[in-house]
């Protein structure tokens, strides 16, 4: 079995506190908050991202080819 088939088997993972799942467009506001936070800038953008830039990044880098890329969602915060 190749790596992509293995990753496909684990597209959704649940732990006691979290879900690991593919990104969805409903994540765009939370993703924007991460991208707009100055403490995260050195990891994501050279400057604060606009909403349009963060939507583009989320869709093109995380949603187009989702295998092996997970959004981490806190079950209590649903965020």
N, C-alpha and C. Protein backbone atom coordinates (compact mmCIF):
# COMPACT_ATOMS: atom_id res chain seq x y z
N UNK A 1 0.86 -1.17 0.00
CA UNK A 1 0.00 0.00 0.00
C UNK A 1 0.91 1.24 0.00
N UNK A 2 0.62 2.18 -0.88
CA UNK A 2 1.45 3.39 -0.95
C UNK A 2 1.06 4.39 0.13
N UNK A 3 1.88 5.43 0.29
CA UNK A 3 1.66 6.43 1.33
C UNK A 3 0.33 7.16 1.17
N UNK A 4 -0.08 7.44 -0.07
CA UNK A 4 -1.32 8.20 -0.31
C UNK A 4 -2.54 7.38 0.09
N UNK A 5 -2.51 6.09 -0.16
CA UNK A 5 -3.61 5.22 0.26
C UNK A 5 -3.67 5.17 1.79
N UNK A 6 -2.52 5.08 2.42
CA UNK A 6 -2.48 5.07 3.89
C UNK A 6 -3.03 6.38 4.45
N UNK A 7 -2.60 7.51 3.87
CA UNK A 7 -3.10 8.80 4.34
C UNK A 7 -4.61 8.92 4.14
N UNK A 8 -5.11 8.39 3.03
CA UNK A 8 -6.54 8.42 2.76
C UNK A 8 -7.36 7.68 3.80
N UNK A 9 -6.78 6.66 4.39
CA UNK A 9 -7.48 5.89 5.42
C UNK A 9 -7.64 6.69 6.71
N UNK A 10 -6.79 7.70 6.88
CA UNK A 10 -6.80 8.48 8.11
C UNK A 10 -7.10 9.95 7.85
N UNK A 11 -8.06 10.22 6.98
CA UNK A 11 -8.43 11.60 6.67
C UNK A 11 -9.06 12.27 7.88
N UNK A 12 -9.73 11.51 8.73
CA UNK A 12 -10.35 12.03 9.95
C UNK A 12 -9.81 11.24 11.13
N UNK A 13 -9.25 11.95 12.11
CA UNK A 13 -8.72 11.32 13.31
C UNK A 13 -9.34 12.03 14.51
N UNK A 14 -9.75 11.26 15.49
CA UNK A 14 -10.36 11.83 16.69
C UNK A 14 -9.56 11.41 17.91
N UNK A 15 -9.26 12.37 18.78
CA UNK A 15 -8.64 12.09 20.07
C UNK A 15 -9.64 12.50 21.15
N UNK A 16 -9.23 12.38 22.38
CA UNK A 16 -10.12 12.75 23.48
C UNK A 16 -10.53 14.22 23.41
N UNK A 17 -9.60 15.09 23.02
CA UNK A 17 -9.88 16.53 23.01
C UNK A 17 -9.98 17.17 21.64
N UNK A 18 -9.49 16.50 20.60
CA UNK A 18 -9.36 17.15 19.30
C UNK A 18 -9.84 16.28 18.15
N UNK A 19 -10.15 16.97 17.05
CA UNK A 19 -10.37 16.33 15.76
C UNK A 19 -9.22 16.77 14.85
N UNK A 20 -8.69 15.86 14.08
CA UNK A 20 -7.79 16.18 12.99
C UNK A 20 -8.57 15.83 11.75
N UNK A 21 -8.76 16.82 10.88
CA UNK A 21 -9.64 16.62 9.73
C UNK A 21 -9.18 17.52 8.60
N UNK A 22 -9.65 17.25 7.39
CA UNK A 22 -9.31 18.14 6.28
C UNK A 22 -9.87 19.54 6.52
N UNK A 23 -9.20 20.53 5.98
CA UNK A 23 -9.71 21.90 6.05
C UNK A 23 -11.01 22.01 5.28
N UNK A 24 -11.89 22.90 5.73
CA UNK A 24 -13.14 23.21 5.04
C UNK A 24 -13.25 24.73 4.98
N UNK A 25 -14.02 25.23 4.04
CA UNK A 25 -14.12 26.68 3.90
C UNK A 25 -14.71 27.33 5.16
N UNK A 26 -15.46 26.57 5.94
CA UNK A 26 -16.01 27.11 7.19
C UNK A 26 -14.90 27.47 8.19
N UNK A 27 -13.67 27.01 7.94
CA UNK A 27 -12.53 27.32 8.79
C UNK A 27 -11.91 28.68 8.47
N UNK A 28 -12.43 29.36 7.46
CA UNK A 28 -11.75 30.56 6.95
C UNK A 28 -11.60 31.67 8.00
N UNK A 29 -12.58 31.90 8.84
CA UNK A 29 -12.45 32.95 9.86
C UNK A 29 -11.39 32.59 10.89
N UNK A 30 -11.40 31.35 11.37
CA UNK A 30 -10.38 30.92 12.33
C UNK A 30 -8.99 30.96 11.70
N UNK A 31 -8.89 30.54 10.44
CA UNK A 31 -7.61 30.56 9.74
C UNK A 31 -7.11 32.00 9.58
N UNK A 32 -8.02 32.92 9.26
CA UNK A 32 -7.65 34.33 9.13
C UNK A 32 -7.09 34.86 10.46
N UNK A 33 -7.71 34.49 11.56
CA UNK A 33 -7.23 34.94 12.87
C UNK A 33 -5.80 34.44 13.13
N UNK A 34 -5.51 33.22 12.73
CA UNK A 34 -4.16 32.68 12.87
C UNK A 34 -3.19 33.46 11.97
N UNK A 35 -3.59 33.68 10.72
CA UNK A 35 -2.73 34.38 9.76
C UNK A 35 -2.53 35.85 10.12
N UNK A 36 -3.46 36.44 10.80
CA UNK A 36 -3.40 37.86 11.13
C UNK A 36 -2.68 38.12 12.46
N UNK A 37 -2.43 37.09 13.23
CA UNK A 37 -1.76 37.21 14.52
C UNK A 37 -0.27 37.47 14.31
N UNK A 38 0.27 38.58 14.82
CA UNK A 38 1.69 38.90 14.61
C UNK A 38 2.65 37.81 15.11
N UNK A 39 2.26 37.05 16.12
CA UNK A 39 3.13 35.99 16.63
C UNK A 39 3.29 34.84 15.64
N UNK A 40 2.37 34.72 14.70
CA UNK A 40 2.43 33.64 13.70
C UNK A 40 3.05 34.08 12.38
N UNK A 41 3.27 35.36 12.20
CA UNK A 41 3.69 35.87 10.89
C UNK A 41 4.97 35.25 10.37
N UNK A 42 5.95 35.03 11.21
CA UNK A 42 7.21 34.48 10.72
C UNK A 42 7.05 33.08 10.15
N UNK A 43 5.97 32.40 10.50
CA UNK A 43 5.73 31.05 10.00
C UNK A 43 4.85 31.04 8.75
N UNK A 44 4.05 32.10 8.52
CA UNK A 44 3.06 32.08 7.45
C UNK A 44 3.27 33.16 6.41
N UNK A 45 3.32 34.40 6.82
CA UNK A 45 3.38 35.53 5.89
C UNK A 45 4.49 36.49 6.30
N UNK A 46 5.04 37.23 5.36
CA UNK A 46 6.02 38.26 5.71
C UNK A 46 5.36 39.49 6.35
N UNK A 47 4.09 39.67 6.16
CA UNK A 47 3.35 40.76 6.79
C UNK A 47 1.94 40.26 7.11
N UNK A 48 1.19 41.05 7.83
CA UNK A 48 -0.17 40.61 8.19
C UNK A 48 -1.00 40.33 6.95
N UNK A 49 -1.67 39.21 6.97
CA UNK A 49 -2.48 38.79 5.82
C UNK A 49 -3.84 39.46 5.85
N UNK A 50 -4.29 39.83 4.67
CA UNK A 50 -5.67 40.29 4.55
C UNK A 50 -6.56 39.06 4.55
N UNK A 51 -7.84 39.26 4.67
CA UNK A 51 -8.78 38.13 4.62
C UNK A 51 -8.67 37.43 3.27
N UNK A 52 -8.55 38.18 2.19
CA UNK A 52 -8.43 37.60 0.85
C UNK A 52 -7.16 36.74 0.74
N UNK A 53 -6.05 37.21 1.29
CA UNK A 53 -4.80 36.44 1.24
C UNK A 53 -4.89 35.16 2.07
N UNK A 54 -5.50 35.25 3.24
CA UNK A 54 -5.60 34.04 4.06
C UNK A 54 -6.55 33.03 3.42
N UNK A 55 -7.64 33.49 2.80
CA UNK A 55 -8.55 32.57 2.09
C UNK A 55 -7.81 31.88 0.95
N UNK A 56 -7.01 32.64 0.19
CA UNK A 56 -6.24 32.08 -0.92
C UNK A 56 -5.29 31.00 -0.41
N UNK A 57 -4.55 31.31 0.65
CA UNK A 57 -3.60 30.35 1.21
C UNK A 57 -4.31 29.08 1.67
N UNK A 58 -5.40 29.23 2.40
CA UNK A 58 -6.12 28.07 2.92
C UNK A 58 -6.62 27.18 1.78
N UNK A 59 -7.23 27.79 0.77
CA UNK A 59 -7.79 27.01 -0.34
C UNK A 59 -6.68 26.37 -1.18
N UNK A 60 -5.68 27.15 -1.57
CA UNK A 60 -4.67 26.65 -2.50
C UNK A 60 -3.62 25.75 -1.86
N UNK A 61 -3.34 25.93 -0.59
CA UNK A 61 -2.30 25.12 0.04
C UNK A 61 -2.83 24.03 0.95
N UNK A 62 -4.05 24.16 1.43
CA UNK A 62 -4.55 23.16 2.36
C UNK A 62 -5.78 22.40 1.87
N UNK A 63 -6.60 23.00 1.02
CA UNK A 63 -7.83 22.35 0.59
C UNK A 63 -7.69 21.64 -0.76
N UNK A 64 -6.85 22.14 -1.66
CA UNK A 64 -6.74 21.55 -3.00
C UNK A 64 -6.23 20.11 -2.96
N UNK A 65 -5.24 19.86 -2.13
CA UNK A 65 -4.66 18.52 -2.01
C UNK A 65 -4.61 18.17 -0.53
N UNK A 66 -5.72 17.68 0.01
CA UNK A 66 -5.85 17.54 1.46
C UNK A 66 -5.17 16.34 2.11
N UNK A 67 -4.74 15.35 1.36
CA UNK A 67 -4.17 14.17 2.01
C UNK A 67 -2.90 14.52 2.76
N UNK A 68 -2.88 14.19 4.04
CA UNK A 68 -1.71 14.46 4.87
C UNK A 68 -1.69 15.85 5.47
N UNK A 69 -2.73 16.64 5.24
CA UNK A 69 -2.83 17.99 5.80
C UNK A 69 -4.11 18.05 6.62
N UNK A 70 -3.98 18.38 7.90
CA UNK A 70 -5.15 18.38 8.76
C UNK A 70 -5.36 19.72 9.45
N UNK A 71 -6.61 20.08 9.60
CA UNK A 71 -6.99 21.17 10.49
C UNK A 71 -7.15 20.51 11.86
N UNK A 72 -6.72 21.19 12.90
CA UNK A 72 -6.85 20.67 14.26
C UNK A 72 -7.97 21.46 14.93
N UNK A 73 -9.01 20.76 15.32
CA UNK A 73 -10.17 21.42 15.92
C UNK A 73 -10.34 20.98 17.36
N UNK A 74 -10.39 21.93 18.27
CA UNK A 74 -10.64 21.66 19.68
C UNK A 74 -12.12 21.33 19.84
N UNK A 75 -12.42 20.20 20.44
CA UNK A 75 -13.82 19.78 20.57
C UNK A 75 -14.64 20.74 21.43
N UNK A 76 -14.06 21.25 22.50
CA UNK A 76 -14.81 22.15 23.39
C UNK A 76 -15.03 23.51 22.75
N UNK A 77 -14.00 24.05 22.13
CA UNK A 77 -14.10 25.38 21.53
C UNK A 77 -14.75 25.36 20.15
N UNK A 78 -14.78 24.18 19.53
CA UNK A 78 -15.24 24.01 18.15
C UNK A 78 -14.53 25.06 17.28
N UNK A 79 -13.23 25.11 17.45
CA UNK A 79 -12.39 26.10 16.77
C UNK A 79 -11.02 25.52 16.54
